[in-house]
N, C-alpha and C. Protein backbone atom coordinates (compact mmCIF):
# COMPACT_ATOMS: atom_id res chain seq x y z
N MET A 1 8.49 -2.62 7.18
CA MET A 1 8.56 -2.24 5.80
C MET A 1 7.67 -1.02 5.62
N THR A 2 8.18 -0.02 4.91
CA THR A 2 7.43 1.21 4.68
C THR A 2 7.44 1.57 3.20
N ASP A 3 6.29 1.96 2.70
CA ASP A 3 6.18 2.51 1.35
C ASP A 3 5.69 3.94 1.51
N HIS A 4 6.60 4.88 1.33
CA HIS A 4 6.29 6.28 1.56
C HIS A 4 5.36 6.85 0.50
N ARG A 5 5.32 6.23 -0.66
CA ARG A 5 4.45 6.73 -1.74
C ARG A 5 2.99 6.66 -1.35
N ILE A 6 2.62 5.62 -0.61
CA ILE A 6 1.21 5.45 -0.24
C ILE A 6 1.00 5.57 1.27
N ASN A 7 2.04 5.97 1.97
CA ASN A 7 1.94 6.19 3.41
C ASN A 7 1.53 4.91 4.15
N TYR A 8 2.20 3.79 3.83
CA TYR A 8 1.89 2.50 4.43
C TYR A 8 3.11 1.96 5.17
N THR A 9 2.88 1.47 6.38
CA THR A 9 3.95 0.85 7.16
C THR A 9 3.44 -0.47 7.75
N SER A 10 4.25 -1.50 7.63
CA SER A 10 3.96 -2.79 8.25
C SER A 10 5.13 -3.14 9.16
N HIS A 11 4.80 -3.51 10.37
CA HIS A 11 5.83 -3.91 11.33
C HIS A 11 6.02 -5.43 11.35
N ASP A 12 5.29 -6.13 10.47
CA ASP A 12 5.38 -7.58 10.40
C ASP A 12 6.17 -7.98 9.14
N LEU A 13 7.46 -7.69 9.16
CA LEU A 13 8.31 -7.95 8.01
C LEU A 13 8.33 -9.44 7.65
N ALA A 14 8.29 -10.29 8.64
CA ALA A 14 8.32 -11.74 8.38
C ALA A 14 7.13 -12.15 7.51
N ALA A 15 5.96 -11.62 7.80
CA ALA A 15 4.77 -11.96 7.00
C ALA A 15 4.93 -11.48 5.56
N VAL A 16 5.44 -10.27 5.39
CA VAL A 16 5.65 -9.73 4.04
C VAL A 16 6.66 -10.59 3.29
N LEU A 17 7.75 -10.94 3.93
CA LEU A 17 8.76 -11.77 3.28
C LEU A 17 8.26 -13.17 2.97
N ASN A 18 7.28 -13.64 3.74
CA ASN A 18 6.69 -14.96 3.49
C ASN A 18 5.58 -14.91 2.44
N GLY A 19 5.34 -13.71 1.87
CA GLY A 19 4.38 -13.61 0.78
C GLY A 19 3.01 -13.10 1.16
N ASP A 20 2.80 -12.76 2.42
CA ASP A 20 1.50 -12.24 2.84
C ASP A 20 1.44 -10.76 2.48
N LEU A 21 0.99 -10.48 1.28
CA LEU A 21 0.98 -9.12 0.76
C LEU A 21 -0.43 -8.53 0.73
N SER A 22 -1.40 -9.19 1.32
CA SER A 22 -2.79 -8.74 1.21
C SER A 22 -2.99 -7.32 1.76
N LYS A 23 -2.40 -6.99 2.89
CA LYS A 23 -2.57 -5.65 3.45
C LYS A 23 -1.87 -4.60 2.60
N LEU A 24 -0.71 -4.95 2.04
CA LEU A 24 0.02 -4.05 1.17
C LEU A 24 -0.77 -3.80 -0.12
N ILE A 25 -1.30 -4.84 -0.70
CA ILE A 25 -2.09 -4.71 -1.92
C ILE A 25 -3.34 -3.87 -1.66
N GLU A 26 -3.97 -4.10 -0.53
CA GLU A 26 -5.14 -3.31 -0.16
C GLU A 26 -4.78 -1.82 -0.02
N ALA A 27 -3.64 -1.53 0.57
CA ALA A 27 -3.20 -0.15 0.72
C ALA A 27 -2.92 0.48 -0.65
N PHE A 28 -2.31 -0.28 -1.57
CA PHE A 28 -2.07 0.22 -2.93
C PHE A 28 -3.39 0.52 -3.64
N GLN A 29 -4.36 -0.39 -3.50
CA GLN A 29 -5.65 -0.20 -4.14
C GLN A 29 -6.36 1.03 -3.59
N LEU A 30 -6.32 1.20 -2.28
CA LEU A 30 -6.95 2.35 -1.65
C LEU A 30 -6.29 3.64 -2.11
N ALA A 31 -4.97 3.66 -2.16
CA ALA A 31 -4.24 4.85 -2.62
C ALA A 31 -4.59 5.17 -4.07
N SER A 32 -4.74 4.14 -4.88
CA SER A 32 -5.09 4.34 -6.28
C SER A 32 -6.48 4.97 -6.42
N VAL A 33 -7.44 4.45 -5.67
CA VAL A 33 -8.80 5.00 -5.71
C VAL A 33 -8.81 6.43 -5.21
N GLU A 34 -8.09 6.69 -4.13
CA GLU A 34 -8.04 8.05 -3.59
C GLU A 34 -7.42 9.01 -4.60
N GLU A 35 -6.39 8.56 -5.32
CA GLU A 35 -5.75 9.40 -6.32
C GLU A 35 -6.71 9.69 -7.47
N GLN A 36 -7.44 8.67 -7.90
CA GLN A 36 -8.40 8.86 -8.98
C GLN A 36 -9.50 9.83 -8.58
N LEU A 37 -9.99 9.70 -7.36
CA LEU A 37 -11.05 10.58 -6.88
C LEU A 37 -10.59 12.02 -6.73
N SER A 38 -9.30 12.20 -6.45
CA SER A 38 -8.78 13.55 -6.28
C SER A 38 -8.36 14.17 -7.61
N GLY A 39 -8.46 13.40 -8.69
CA GLY A 39 -8.11 13.92 -10.00
C GLY A 39 -6.65 13.80 -10.32
N GLY A 40 -5.91 13.02 -9.55
CA GLY A 40 -4.48 12.84 -9.79
C GLY A 40 -4.22 12.12 -11.10
N ASN A 41 -3.05 12.35 -11.63
CA ASN A 41 -2.68 11.73 -12.92
C ASN A 41 -1.70 10.59 -12.76
N GLY A 42 -1.48 10.12 -11.52
CA GLY A 42 -0.57 8.98 -11.33
C GLY A 42 0.74 9.42 -11.00
């Protein structure tokens, strides 16, 4: 599974489909912080 917006790829699709979203959520949070620090508007 890949989310190109935040440059995240997981090769463990089974875990994602089973609800293990912790790494994905962490990547979203990191991307959000990086965007805020860079002055991005979302």
